[in-house]
């Protein structure tokens, strides 16, 4: 058993947050040491909790469209790692799902990232993932995303701040047409380039 497989097995048995989770612990992630693309999301929603498949919902459909990949490619762990800030569904509040449980990233994120030496592109979705990966950089999510070119080589790695692809953000997409016109074409090119590199 490799160090990564042992770590993943330990994570899938994790109960650290279980007393605070309305549906109990069900860690959902996807990871391989060969992956060159990392998706840093927030936390599974209730539909993903039920299926056990990351981004198995409308958010995932939109994200796959942004990346220009089909489901088979998206769910190939050797190509794409999917590590949300919280691995379990945190429950819902008045304005949507609750924030990811903080214990998850504090316990598991660094050990997992250390097992991903091939990652060349990290897609950082939403405010919680951006606070972690960009060290609480100043400004709003919209400011970070609109300045996306400045983040391509953050801390020596290629990183891209993105809004969360949730349907709850449809108003944001309508107000920011530049996102689809300017950012997504470059994202698709980079994803395609890295997928070819992975399978050479």
N, C-alpha and C. Protein backbone atom coordinates (compact mmCIF):
# COMPACT_ATOMS: atom_id res chain seq x y z
N UNK A 1 0.85 -1.20 0.00
CA UNK A 1 0.00 0.00 0.00
C UNK A 1 0.88 1.25 0.00
N UNK A 2 0.60 2.18 -0.91
CA UNK A 2 1.38 3.41 -0.98
C UNK A 2 0.98 4.36 0.14
N UNK A 3 1.81 5.36 0.35
CA UNK A 3 1.50 6.35 1.38
C UNK A 3 0.18 7.06 1.09
N UNK A 4 -0.06 7.38 -0.20
CA UNK A 4 -1.30 8.06 -0.56
C UNK A 4 -2.50 7.15 -0.35
N UNK A 5 -2.43 5.90 -0.78
CA UNK A 5 -3.58 5.01 -0.60
C UNK A 5 -3.88 4.79 0.87
N UNK A 6 -2.84 4.71 1.71
CA UNK A 6 -3.06 4.57 3.15
C UNK A 6 -3.73 5.82 3.72
N UNK A 7 -3.30 6.99 3.24
CA UNK A 7 -3.89 8.25 3.69
C UNK A 7 -5.35 8.34 3.27
N UNK A 8 -5.67 7.96 2.05
CA UNK A 8 -7.05 7.99 1.58
C UNK A 8 -7.93 7.03 2.36
N UNK A 9 -7.37 5.89 2.69
CA UNK A 9 -8.14 4.93 3.49
C UNK A 9 -8.45 5.51 4.88
N UNK A 10 -7.47 6.19 5.44
CA UNK A 10 -7.67 6.81 6.75
C UNK A 10 -8.72 7.91 6.68
N UNK A 11 -8.67 8.71 5.61
CA UNK A 11 -9.64 9.79 5.44
C UNK A 11 -11.05 9.24 5.31
N UNK A 12 -11.20 8.16 4.57
CA UNK A 12 -12.54 7.61 4.36
C UNK A 12 -13.14 7.01 5.63
N UNK A 13 -12.30 6.79 6.64
CA UNK A 13 -12.80 6.33 7.94
C UNK A 13 -12.98 7.48 8.93
N UNK A 14 -12.67 8.70 8.49
CA UNK A 14 -12.64 9.85 9.39
C UNK A 14 -14.01 10.14 10.00
N UNK A 15 -14.00 10.42 11.31
CA UNK A 15 -15.23 10.76 12.04
C UNK A 15 -15.05 12.05 12.85
N UNK A 16 -14.01 12.82 12.55
CA UNK A 16 -13.68 14.01 13.35
C UNK A 16 -14.87 14.95 13.50
N UNK A 17 -15.57 15.19 12.39
CA UNK A 17 -16.67 16.17 12.41
C UNK A 17 -18.04 15.52 12.58
N UNK A 18 -18.09 14.21 12.66
CA UNK A 18 -19.37 13.49 12.62
C UNK A 18 -20.44 14.05 13.57
N UNK A 19 -20.10 14.43 14.82
CA UNK A 19 -21.14 14.95 15.71
C UNK A 19 -21.79 16.24 15.21
N UNK A 20 -21.10 16.97 14.29
CA UNK A 20 -21.63 18.25 13.80
C UNK A 20 -22.25 18.13 12.42
N UNK A 21 -22.28 16.94 11.85
CA UNK A 21 -22.78 16.75 10.48
C UNK A 21 -24.20 16.18 10.51
N UNK A 22 -25.15 16.86 9.87
CA UNK A 22 -26.55 16.43 9.97
C UNK A 22 -26.82 15.07 9.35
N UNK A 23 -26.03 14.69 8.33
CA UNK A 23 -26.23 13.40 7.67
C UNK A 23 -25.10 12.42 7.97
N UNK A 24 -24.25 12.78 8.93
CA UNK A 24 -23.14 11.91 9.27
C UNK A 24 -21.95 12.11 8.35
N UNK A 25 -20.86 11.41 8.68
CA UNK A 25 -19.63 11.55 7.90
C UNK A 25 -19.66 10.65 6.66
N UNK A 26 -19.35 11.26 5.52
CA UNK A 26 -19.16 10.51 4.28
C UNK A 26 -18.14 11.28 3.44
N UNK A 27 -16.85 11.14 3.73
CA UNK A 27 -15.83 11.90 3.01
C UNK A 27 -15.85 11.58 1.51
N UNK A 28 -15.89 12.63 0.70
CA UNK A 28 -15.97 12.48 -0.75
C UNK A 28 -14.84 13.27 -1.39
N UNK A 29 -13.95 12.56 -2.07
CA UNK A 29 -12.81 13.18 -2.74
C UNK A 29 -12.31 12.25 -3.82
N UNK A 30 -11.38 12.75 -4.62
CA UNK A 30 -10.78 11.97 -5.70
C UNK A 30 -9.32 12.38 -5.81
N UNK A 31 -8.40 11.41 -5.84
CA UNK A 31 -7.00 11.77 -5.71
C UNK A 31 -6.08 10.71 -6.29
N UNK A 32 -5.05 11.14 -7.00
CA UNK A 32 -3.99 10.26 -7.49
C UNK A 32 -2.71 11.06 -7.57
N UNK A 33 -1.58 10.41 -7.29
CA UNK A 33 -0.31 11.12 -7.34
C UNK A 33 0.07 11.53 -8.75
N UNK A 34 -0.63 11.00 -9.77
CA UNK A 34 -0.33 11.33 -11.16
C UNK A 34 -1.10 12.56 -11.66
N UNK A 35 -2.09 13.02 -10.92
CA UNK A 35 -2.95 14.11 -11.39
C UNK A 35 -2.16 15.40 -11.60
N UNK A 36 -2.42 16.06 -12.71
CA UNK A 36 -1.80 17.35 -13.00
C UNK A 36 -2.76 18.51 -12.78
N UNK A 37 -4.03 18.20 -12.60
CA UNK A 37 -5.05 19.22 -12.37
C UNK A 37 -5.70 18.94 -11.01
N UNK A 38 -5.81 19.97 -10.19
CA UNK A 38 -6.45 19.86 -8.89
C UNK A 38 -7.64 20.80 -8.83
N UNK A 39 -8.78 20.28 -8.45
CA UNK A 39 -9.96 21.11 -8.21
C UNK A 39 -10.12 21.28 -6.70
N UNK A 40 -9.94 22.51 -6.23
CA UNK A 40 -10.09 22.84 -4.81
C UNK A 40 -11.47 23.45 -4.63
N UNK A 41 -12.42 22.63 -4.19
CA UNK A 41 -13.79 23.09 -4.04
C UNK A 41 -14.12 23.48 -2.61
N UNK A 42 -15.41 23.46 -2.29
CA UNK A 42 -15.85 23.90 -0.96
C UNK A 42 -16.24 22.70 -0.10
N UNK A 43 -17.41 22.12 -0.33
CA UNK A 43 -17.85 20.93 0.40
C UNK A 43 -18.98 20.29 -0.41
N UNK A 44 -19.18 18.99 -0.28
CA UNK A 44 -20.27 18.35 -1.03
C UNK A 44 -21.63 18.90 -0.63
N UNK A 45 -22.54 18.96 -1.59
CA UNK A 45 -23.93 19.27 -1.30
C UNK A 45 -24.68 18.00 -0.95
N UNK A 46 -25.96 18.12 -0.68
CA UNK A 46 -26.74 16.96 -0.25
C UNK A 46 -26.85 15.91 -1.36
N UNK A 47 -26.94 16.33 -2.62
CA UNK A 47 -27.04 15.37 -3.72
C UNK A 47 -25.74 14.58 -3.85
N UNK A 48 -24.61 15.27 -3.72
CA UNK A 48 -23.31 14.60 -3.80
C UNK A 48 -23.14 13.67 -2.59
N UNK A 49 -23.59 14.09 -1.43
CA UNK A 49 -23.53 13.22 -0.25
C UNK A 49 -24.30 11.93 -0.52
N UNK A 50 -25.45 12.04 -1.17
CA UNK A 50 -26.27 10.86 -1.43
C UNK A 50 -25.61 9.91 -2.43
N UNK A 51 -24.98 10.45 -3.46
CA UNK A 51 -24.38 9.61 -4.50
C UNK A 51 -22.97 9.16 -4.16
N UNK A 52 -22.25 9.98 -3.37
CA UNK A 52 -20.87 9.67 -3.06
C UNK A 52 -19.90 10.03 -4.19
N UNK A 53 -20.40 10.75 -5.20
CA UNK A 53 -19.60 11.11 -6.37
C UNK A 53 -19.38 12.62 -6.38
N UNK A 54 -18.14 13.11 -6.36
CA UNK A 54 -17.91 14.56 -6.31
C UNK A 54 -18.47 15.27 -7.54
N UNK A 55 -19.08 16.42 -7.32
CA UNK A 55 -19.63 17.25 -8.39
C UNK A 55 -20.64 16.50 -9.25
N UNK A 56 -21.39 15.61 -8.63
CA UNK A 56 -22.44 14.86 -9.34
C UNK A 56 -23.75 15.64 -9.25
N UNK A 57 -23.71 16.88 -9.78
CA UNK A 57 -24.86 17.77 -9.65
C UNK A 57 -24.75 18.87 -10.72
N UNK A 58 -25.62 19.86 -10.65
CA UNK A 58 -25.62 20.94 -11.64
C UNK A 58 -24.31 21.72 -11.61
N UNK A 59 -23.72 21.89 -10.41
CA UNK A 59 -22.43 22.58 -10.32
C UNK A 59 -21.37 21.82 -11.10
N UNK A 60 -21.40 20.51 -11.01
CA UNK A 60 -20.43 19.70 -11.74
C UNK A 60 -20.62 19.79 -13.24
N UNK A 61 -21.88 19.83 -13.69
CA UNK A 61 -22.14 19.98 -15.13
C UNK A 61 -21.53 21.28 -15.65
N UNK A 62 -21.72 22.36 -14.88
CA UNK A 62 -21.17 23.64 -15.30
C UNK A 62 -19.64 23.63 -15.26
N UNK A 63 -19.07 23.05 -14.22
CA UNK A 63 -17.61 23.00 -14.10
C UNK A 63 -17.00 22.20 -15.24
N UNK A 64 -17.59 21.07 -15.59
CA UNK A 64 -17.08 20.28 -16.71
C UNK A 64 -17.16 21.06 -18.01
N UNK A 65 -18.22 21.84 -18.17
CA UNK A 65 -18.35 22.70 -19.36
C UNK A 65 -17.24 23.75 -19.38
N UNK A 66 -16.97 24.38 -18.23
CA UNK A 66 -15.89 25.36 -18.15
C UNK A 66 -14.57 24.75 -18.58
N UNK A 67 -14.32 23.51 -18.15
CA UNK A 67 -13.04 22.86 -18.41
C UNK A 67 -12.97 22.23 -19.80
N UNK A 68 -14.13 22.02 -20.42
CA UNK A 68 -14.16 21.38 -21.72
C UNK A 68 -13.88 19.89 -21.66
N UNK A 69 -14.37 19.22 -20.59
CA UNK A 69 -14.14 17.79 -20.43
C UNK A 69 -15.46 17.05 -20.24
N UNK A 70 -15.45 15.76 -20.60
CA UNK A 70 -16.64 14.93 -20.37
C UNK A 70 -16.54 14.26 -19.00
N UNK A 71 -17.58 13.54 -18.62
CA UNK A 71 -17.62 12.93 -17.29
C UNK A 71 -16.52 11.88 -17.11
N UNK A 72 -16.26 11.10 -18.17
CA UNK A 72 -15.25 10.05 -18.06
C UNK A 72 -13.88 10.65 -17.75
N UNK A 73 -13.55 11.74 -18.42
CA UNK A 73 -12.27 12.41 -18.17
C UNK A 73 -12.25 13.03 -16.79
N UNK A 74 -13.34 13.67 -16.42
CA UNK A 74 -13.43 14.36 -15.13
C UNK A 74 -13.24 13.40 -13.96
N UNK A 75 -13.77 12.19 -14.10
CA UNK A 75 -13.71 11.24 -13.00
C UNK A 75 -12.54 10.26 -13.12
N UNK A 76 -11.55 10.60 -13.91
CA UNK A 76 -10.34 9.80 -14.01
C UNK A 76 -9.33 10.40 -13.03
N UNK A 77 -9.11 9.72 -11.92
CA UNK A 77 -8.29 10.29 -10.83
C UNK A 77 -6.86 10.56 -11.26
N UNK A 78 -6.33 9.80 -12.22
CA UNK A 78 -4.96 10.04 -12.67
C UNK A 78 -4.85 11.35 -13.45
N UNK A 79 -5.98 11.89 -13.89
CA UNK A 79 -5.99 13.15 -14.62
C UNK A 79 -6.35 14.34 -13.73
N UNK A 80 -7.38 14.16 -12.91
CA UNK A 80 -7.93 15.27 -12.13
C UNK A 80 -8.14 14.85 -10.68
N UNK A 81 -7.54 15.58 -9.77
CA UNK A 81 -7.78 15.38 -8.33
C UNK A 81 -8.86 16.36 -7.89
N UNK A 82 -9.74 15.90 -7.01
CA UNK A 82 -10.84 16.73 -6.51
C UNK A 82 -10.79 16.70 -4.98
N UNK A 83 -10.37 17.82 -4.40
CA UNK A 83 -10.21 17.92 -2.94
C UNK A 83 -10.95 19.14 -2.42
N UNK A 84 -12.19 18.97 -1.98
CA UNK A 84 -12.90 20.11 -1.40
C UNK A 84 -12.30 20.51 -0.05
N UNK A 85 -12.60 21.70 0.39
CA UNK A 85 -12.10 22.16 1.70
C UNK A 85 -12.68 21.33 2.83
N UNK A 86 -13.90 20.87 2.65
CA UNK A 86 -14.53 19.94 3.59
C UNK A 86 -14.98 18.72 2.80
N UNK A 87 -14.68 17.54 3.28
CA UNK A 87 -14.98 16.32 2.51
C UNK A 87 -16.40 15.82 2.72
N UNK A 88 -17.10 16.35 3.72
CA UNK A 88 -18.44 15.88 4.05
C UNK A 88 -19.46 17.02 3.95
N UNK A 89 -20.70 16.65 3.67
CA UNK A 89 -21.79 17.63 3.59
C UNK A 89 -21.99 18.30 4.95
N UNK A 90 -21.87 19.64 5.01
CA UNK A 90 -21.93 20.32 6.31
C UNK A 90 -23.33 20.68 6.79
N UNK A 91 -24.33 20.49 5.94
CA UNK A 91 -25.69 20.91 6.29
C UNK A 91 -26.04 22.22 5.61
N UNK A 92 -27.27 22.65 5.76
CA UNK A 92 -27.72 23.87 5.08
C UNK A 92 -28.19 24.91 6.09
N UNK A 93 -28.11 26.18 5.64
CA UNK A 93 -28.55 27.31 6.46
C UNK A 93 -29.57 28.13 5.70
N UNK A 94 -29.78 29.37 6.13
CA UNK A 94 -30.80 30.22 5.52
C UNK A 94 -30.49 30.58 4.08
N UNK A 95 -29.19 30.72 3.75
CA UNK A 95 -28.83 31.18 2.39
C UNK A 95 -28.10 30.11 1.59
N UNK A 96 -28.29 28.84 1.95
CA UNK A 96 -27.63 27.76 1.22
C UNK A 96 -26.86 26.85 2.16
N UNK A 97 -25.97 26.07 1.59
CA UNK A 97 -25.19 25.14 2.41
C UNK A 97 -24.29 25.90 3.37
N UNK A 98 -24.03 25.30 4.51
CA UNK A 98 -23.13 25.89 5.50
C UNK A 98 -21.68 25.83 5.00
N UNK A 99 -20.82 26.57 5.68
CA UNK A 99 -19.40 26.57 5.34
C UNK A 99 -18.80 25.19 5.60
N UNK A 100 -17.75 24.84 4.87
CA UNK A 100 -17.06 23.57 5.15
C UNK A 100 -16.57 23.53 6.60
N UNK A 101 -16.62 22.37 7.21
CA UNK A 101 -16.11 22.24 8.57
C UNK A 101 -14.61 22.53 8.58
N UNK A 102 -14.14 23.41 9.47
CA UNK A 102 -12.72 23.80 9.45
C UNK A 102 -11.77 22.68 9.85
N UNK A 103 -12.25 21.70 10.61
CA UNK A 103 -11.38 20.61 11.05
C UNK A 103 -10.82 19.82 9.88
N UNK A 104 -11.57 19.76 8.80
CA UNK A 104 -11.18 18.91 7.66
C UNK A 104 -9.88 19.40 7.02
N UNK A 105 -9.87 20.65 6.60
CA UNK A 105 -8.66 21.18 5.97
C UNK A 105 -7.49 21.19 6.94
N UNK A 106 -7.77 21.53 8.19
CA UNK A 106 -6.70 21.60 9.19
C UNK A 106 -6.04 20.23 9.40
N UNK A 107 -6.82 19.17 9.25
CA UNK A 107 -6.31 17.82 9.50
C UNK A 107 -5.70 17.18 8.26
N UNK A 108 -6.35 17.33 7.13
CA UNK A 108 -6.02 16.51 5.98
C UNK A 108 -5.39 17.23 4.79
N UNK A 109 -5.56 18.56 4.68
CA UNK A 109 -5.22 19.19 3.41
C UNK A 109 -3.71 19.14 3.10
N UNK A 110 -2.88 19.54 4.04
CA UNK A 110 -1.44 19.55 3.78
C UNK A 110 -0.90 18.16 3.47
N UNK A 111 -1.26 17.12 4.25
CA UNK A 111 -0.77 15.78 3.91
C UNK A 111 -1.18 15.34 2.51
N UNK A 112 -2.41 15.69 2.10
CA UNK A 112 -2.86 15.31 0.76
C UNK A 112 -2.10 16.09 -0.33
N UNK A 113 -1.98 17.40 -0.15
CA UNK A 113 -1.29 18.21 -1.16
C UNK A 113 0.16 17.76 -1.32
N UNK A 114 0.75 17.28 -0.23
CA UNK A 114 2.12 16.78 -0.30
C UNK A 114 2.23 15.51 -1.15
N UNK A 115 1.09 14.85 -1.38
CA UNK A 115 1.08 13.64 -2.18
C UNK A 115 0.73 13.90 -3.65
N UNK A 116 0.68 15.18 -4.02
CA UNK A 116 0.30 15.55 -5.39
C UNK A 116 1.43 16.34 -6.06
N UNK A 117 2.57 15.71 -6.30
CA UNK A 117 3.73 16.43 -6.83
C UNK A 117 3.61 16.85 -8.29
N UNK A 118 2.66 16.25 -9.01
CA UNK A 118 2.54 16.52 -10.45
C UNK A 118 1.60 17.68 -10.78
N UNK A 119 0.87 18.18 -9.78
CA UNK A 119 -0.15 19.20 -10.06
C UNK A 119 0.48 20.46 -10.65
N UNK A 120 -0.06 20.88 -11.80
CA UNK A 120 0.41 22.09 -12.47
C UNK A 120 -0.66 23.16 -12.58
N UNK A 121 -1.90 22.78 -12.31
CA UNK A 121 -3.01 23.74 -12.36
C UNK A 121 -3.98 23.44 -11.24
N UNK A 122 -4.26 24.44 -10.42
CA UNK A 122 -5.24 24.30 -9.34
C UNK A 122 -6.39 25.27 -9.61
N UNK A 123 -7.60 24.72 -9.72
CA UNK A 123 -8.80 25.54 -9.89
C UNK A 123 -9.38 25.78 -8.50
N UNK A 124 -9.39 27.03 -8.07
CA UNK A 124 -9.74 27.37 -6.69
C UNK A 124 -11.16 27.97 -6.70
N UNK A 125 -12.13 27.14 -6.31
CA UNK A 125 -13.54 27.50 -6.45
C UNK A 125 -14.12 28.10 -5.19
N UNK A 126 -14.60 29.33 -5.28
CA UNK A 126 -15.33 29.93 -4.18
C UNK A 126 -14.46 30.52 -3.09
N UNK A 127 -15.12 31.24 -2.18
CA UNK A 127 -14.41 32.05 -1.19
C UNK A 127 -13.64 31.23 -0.17
N UNK A 128 -14.16 30.08 0.25
CA UNK A 128 -13.47 29.31 1.29
C UNK A 128 -12.17 28.71 0.77
N UNK A 129 -12.21 28.16 -0.41
CA UNK A 129 -10.99 27.60 -1.01
C UNK A 129 -9.99 28.70 -1.31
N UNK A 130 -10.48 29.85 -1.75
CA UNK A 130 -9.57 30.95 -2.07
C UNK A 130 -8.92 31.51 -0.81
N UNK A 131 -9.66 31.58 0.29
CA UNK A 131 -9.07 32.06 1.54
C UNK A 131 -7.91 31.17 1.96
N UNK A 132 -8.04 29.88 1.74
CA UNK A 132 -6.98 28.94 2.12
C UNK A 132 -5.79 29.01 1.14
N UNK A 133 -6.08 28.90 -0.13
CA UNK A 133 -5.00 28.77 -1.12
C UNK A 133 -4.30 30.08 -1.44
N UNK A 134 -4.97 31.19 -1.21
CA UNK A 134 -4.34 32.49 -1.46
C UNK A 134 -4.04 33.22 -0.15
N UNK A 135 -4.05 32.47 0.95
CA UNK A 135 -3.65 33.02 2.24
C UNK A 135 -4.43 34.28 2.61
N UNK A 136 -5.76 34.20 2.42
CA UNK A 136 -6.66 35.30 2.79
C UNK A 136 -6.27 36.61 2.10
N UNK A 137 -5.91 36.53 0.82
CA UNK A 137 -5.55 37.73 0.08
C UNK A 137 -6.71 38.72 0.08
N UNK A 138 -6.36 39.98 0.09
CA UNK A 138 -7.37 41.05 0.20
C UNK A 138 -8.25 41.10 -1.04
N UNK A 139 -9.41 41.72 -0.87
CA UNK A 139 -10.31 41.92 -1.99
C UNK A 139 -11.44 40.90 -1.99
N UNK A 140 -12.42 41.17 -2.84
CA UNK A 140 -13.58 40.29 -2.96
C UNK A 140 -13.29 39.16 -3.94
N UNK A 141 -14.18 38.19 -3.94
CA UNK A 141 -14.05 37.09 -4.91
C UNK A 141 -14.06 37.63 -6.33
N UNK A 142 -14.95 38.58 -6.61
CA UNK A 142 -15.03 39.14 -7.96
C UNK A 142 -13.72 39.82 -8.35
N UNK A 143 -13.10 40.52 -7.40
CA UNK A 143 -11.82 41.17 -7.70
C UNK A 143 -10.74 40.14 -8.00
N UNK A 144 -10.72 39.06 -7.21
CA UNK A 144 -9.72 38.01 -7.47
C UNK A 144 -9.93 37.38 -8.83
N UNK A 145 -11.18 37.04 -9.14
CA UNK A 145 -11.44 36.38 -10.42
C UNK A 145 -11.17 37.31 -11.59
N UNK A 146 -11.53 38.58 -11.45
CA UNK A 146 -11.29 39.53 -12.55
C UNK A 146 -9.80 39.78 -12.77
N UNK A 147 -9.00 39.54 -11.72
CA UNK A 147 -7.54 39.65 -11.85
C UNK A 147 -6.88 38.28 -12.01
N UNK A 148 -7.58 37.37 -12.62
CA UNK A 148 -7.14 35.98 -12.67
C UNK A 148 -5.76 35.79 -13.28
N UNK A 149 -5.39 36.65 -14.22
CA UNK A 149 -4.08 36.49 -14.86
C UNK A 149 -2.93 36.64 -13.86
N UNK A 150 -3.16 37.41 -12.80
CA UNK A 150 -2.12 37.62 -11.79
C UNK A 150 -1.90 36.38 -10.93
N UNK A 151 -2.84 35.44 -10.95
CA UNK A 151 -2.75 34.26 -10.10
C UNK A 151 -2.22 33.02 -10.82
N UNK A 152 -1.98 33.14 -12.11
CA UNK A 152 -1.54 31.96 -12.86
C UNK A 152 -0.26 31.36 -12.29
N UNK A 153 0.60 32.19 -11.68
CA UNK A 153 1.85 31.66 -11.13
C UNK A 153 2.01 32.07 -9.67
N UNK A 154 0.99 31.78 -8.89
CA UNK A 154 0.99 32.11 -7.46
C UNK A 154 1.86 31.10 -6.71
N UNK A 155 2.85 31.60 -5.98
CA UNK A 155 3.74 30.75 -5.18
C UNK A 155 4.38 29.64 -6.01
N UNK A 156 4.72 29.97 -7.26
CA UNK A 156 5.42 29.01 -8.10
C UNK A 156 4.55 27.98 -8.77
N UNK A 157 3.24 28.03 -8.53
CA UNK A 157 2.33 27.07 -9.15
C UNK A 157 1.26 27.83 -9.94
N UNK A 158 0.67 27.16 -10.90
CA UNK A 158 -0.40 27.77 -11.68
C UNK A 158 -1.71 27.58 -10.94
N UNK A 159 -2.32 28.70 -10.55
CA UNK A 159 -3.58 28.64 -9.81
C UNK A 159 -4.57 29.60 -10.46
N UNK A 160 -5.85 29.23 -10.38
CA UNK A 160 -6.87 30.04 -11.02
C UNK A 160 -8.06 30.21 -10.08
N UNK A 161 -8.30 31.45 -9.59
CA UNK A 161 -9.49 31.68 -8.76
C UNK A 161 -10.74 31.72 -9.63
N UNK A 162 -11.75 30.97 -9.23
CA UNK A 162 -13.00 30.90 -9.98
C UNK A 162 -14.18 31.06 -9.02
N UNK A 163 -15.29 31.60 -9.51
CA UNK A 163 -16.50 31.58 -8.69
C UNK A 163 -16.96 30.13 -8.57
N UNK A 164 -17.76 29.85 -7.57
CA UNK A 164 -18.30 28.49 -7.49
C UNK A 164 -19.30 28.31 -8.63
N UNK A 165 -19.29 27.14 -9.30
CA UNK A 165 -20.18 26.94 -10.45
C UNK A 165 -21.64 26.66 -10.09
N UNK A 166 -22.02 26.88 -8.85
CA UNK A 166 -23.38 26.62 -8.40
C UNK A 166 -24.41 27.46 -9.15
N UNK A 167 -25.60 26.90 -9.40
CA UNK A 167 -26.69 27.70 -9.98
C UNK A 167 -27.04 28.91 -9.13
N UNK A 168 -26.70 28.90 -7.85
CA UNK A 168 -26.96 30.07 -7.00
C UNK A 168 -26.18 31.30 -7.47
N UNK A 169 -25.15 31.08 -8.28
CA UNK A 169 -24.33 32.19 -8.78
C UNK A 169 -24.72 32.65 -10.18
N UNK A 170 -25.87 32.23 -10.67
CA UNK A 170 -26.28 32.60 -12.03
C UNK A 170 -26.31 34.11 -12.23
N UNK A 171 -26.73 34.84 -11.22
CA UNK A 171 -26.77 36.30 -11.34
C UNK A 171 -25.37 36.87 -11.54
N UNK A 172 -24.38 36.29 -10.83
CA UNK A 172 -22.99 36.74 -10.97
C UNK A 172 -22.52 36.53 -12.41
N UNK A 173 -22.84 35.39 -13.00
CA UNK A 173 -22.40 35.11 -14.37
C UNK A 173 -23.03 36.08 -15.36
N UNK A 174 -24.28 36.45 -15.13
CA UNK A 174 -24.95 37.40 -16.02
C UNK A 174 -24.32 38.78 -15.90
N UNK A 175 -23.88 39.15 -14.69
CA UNK A 175 -23.29 40.47 -14.47
C UNK A 175 -21.83 40.54 -14.96
N UNK A 176 -21.22 39.41 -15.17
CA UNK A 176 -19.79 39.37 -15.53
C UNK A 176 -19.56 38.56 -16.80
N UNK A 177 -20.04 39.04 -17.95
CA UNK A 177 -19.90 38.26 -19.19
C UNK A 177 -18.45 38.05 -19.62
N UNK A 178 -17.53 38.90 -19.14
CA UNK A 178 -16.11 38.73 -19.46
C UNK A 178 -15.59 37.38 -19.00
N UNK A 179 -16.22 36.82 -17.95
CA UNK A 179 -15.75 35.54 -17.41
C UNK A 179 -15.79 34.46 -18.49
N UNK A 180 -16.91 34.37 -19.16
CA UNK A 180 -17.05 33.36 -20.21
C UNK A 180 -16.28 33.73 -21.47
N UNK A 181 -16.22 35.02 -21.75
CA UNK A 181 -15.59 35.46 -22.99
C UNK A 181 -14.07 35.44 -22.94
N UNK A 182 -13.49 35.79 -21.78
CA UNK A 182 -12.04 35.96 -21.68
C UNK A 182 -11.34 34.84 -20.93
N UNK A 183 -11.89 34.44 -19.80
CA UNK A 183 -11.21 33.47 -18.95
C UNK A 183 -11.40 32.04 -19.43
N UNK A 184 -12.62 31.64 -19.74
CA UNK A 184 -12.88 30.24 -20.05
C UNK A 184 -12.11 29.71 -21.25
N UNK A 185 -11.94 30.47 -22.33
CA UNK A 185 -11.14 29.93 -23.43
C UNK A 185 -9.71 29.57 -23.01
N UNK A 186 -9.08 30.41 -22.19
CA UNK A 186 -7.73 30.10 -21.72
C UNK A 186 -7.74 28.89 -20.78
N UNK A 187 -8.75 28.79 -19.95
CA UNK A 187 -8.86 27.64 -19.05
C UNK A 187 -8.96 26.34 -19.85
N UNK A 188 -9.81 26.31 -20.86
CA UNK A 188 -9.99 25.09 -21.65
C UNK A 188 -8.70 24.71 -22.37
N UNK A 189 -7.98 25.68 -22.88
CA UNK A 189 -6.71 25.38 -23.54
C UNK A 189 -5.72 24.76 -22.57
N UNK A 190 -5.62 25.33 -21.38
CA UNK A 190 -4.67 24.82 -20.39
C UNK A 190 -5.05 23.42 -19.92
N UNK A 191 -6.34 23.19 -19.69
CA UNK A 191 -6.80 21.87 -19.26
C UNK A 191 -6.47 20.84 -20.33
N UNK A 192 -6.77 21.16 -21.59
CA UNK A 192 -6.50 20.23 -22.68
C UNK A 192 -5.01 19.92 -22.80
N UNK A 193 -4.19 20.94 -22.63
CA UNK A 193 -2.74 20.76 -22.68
C UNK A 193 -2.25 19.81 -21.59
N UNK A 194 -2.75 19.97 -20.38
CA UNK A 194 -2.31 19.14 -19.27
C UNK A 194 -2.84 17.71 -19.38
N UNK A 195 -4.05 17.54 -19.90
CA UNK A 195 -4.58 16.20 -20.09
C UNK A 195 -3.76 15.44 -21.12
N UNK A 196 -3.35 16.11 -22.20
CA UNK A 196 -2.50 15.45 -23.19
C UNK A 196 -1.17 15.05 -22.55
N UNK A 197 -0.62 15.93 -21.74
CA UNK A 197 0.65 15.67 -21.08
C UNK A 197 0.55 14.48 -20.13
N UNK A 198 -0.58 14.36 -19.45
CA UNK A 198 -0.77 13.27 -18.50
C UNK A 198 -0.74 11.92 -19.20
N UNK A 199 -1.27 11.87 -20.41
CA UNK A 199 -1.43 10.58 -21.09
C UNK A 199 -0.37 10.31 -22.16
N UNK A 200 0.66 11.14 -22.20
CA UNK A 200 1.75 10.90 -23.15
C UNK A 200 2.53 9.65 -22.76
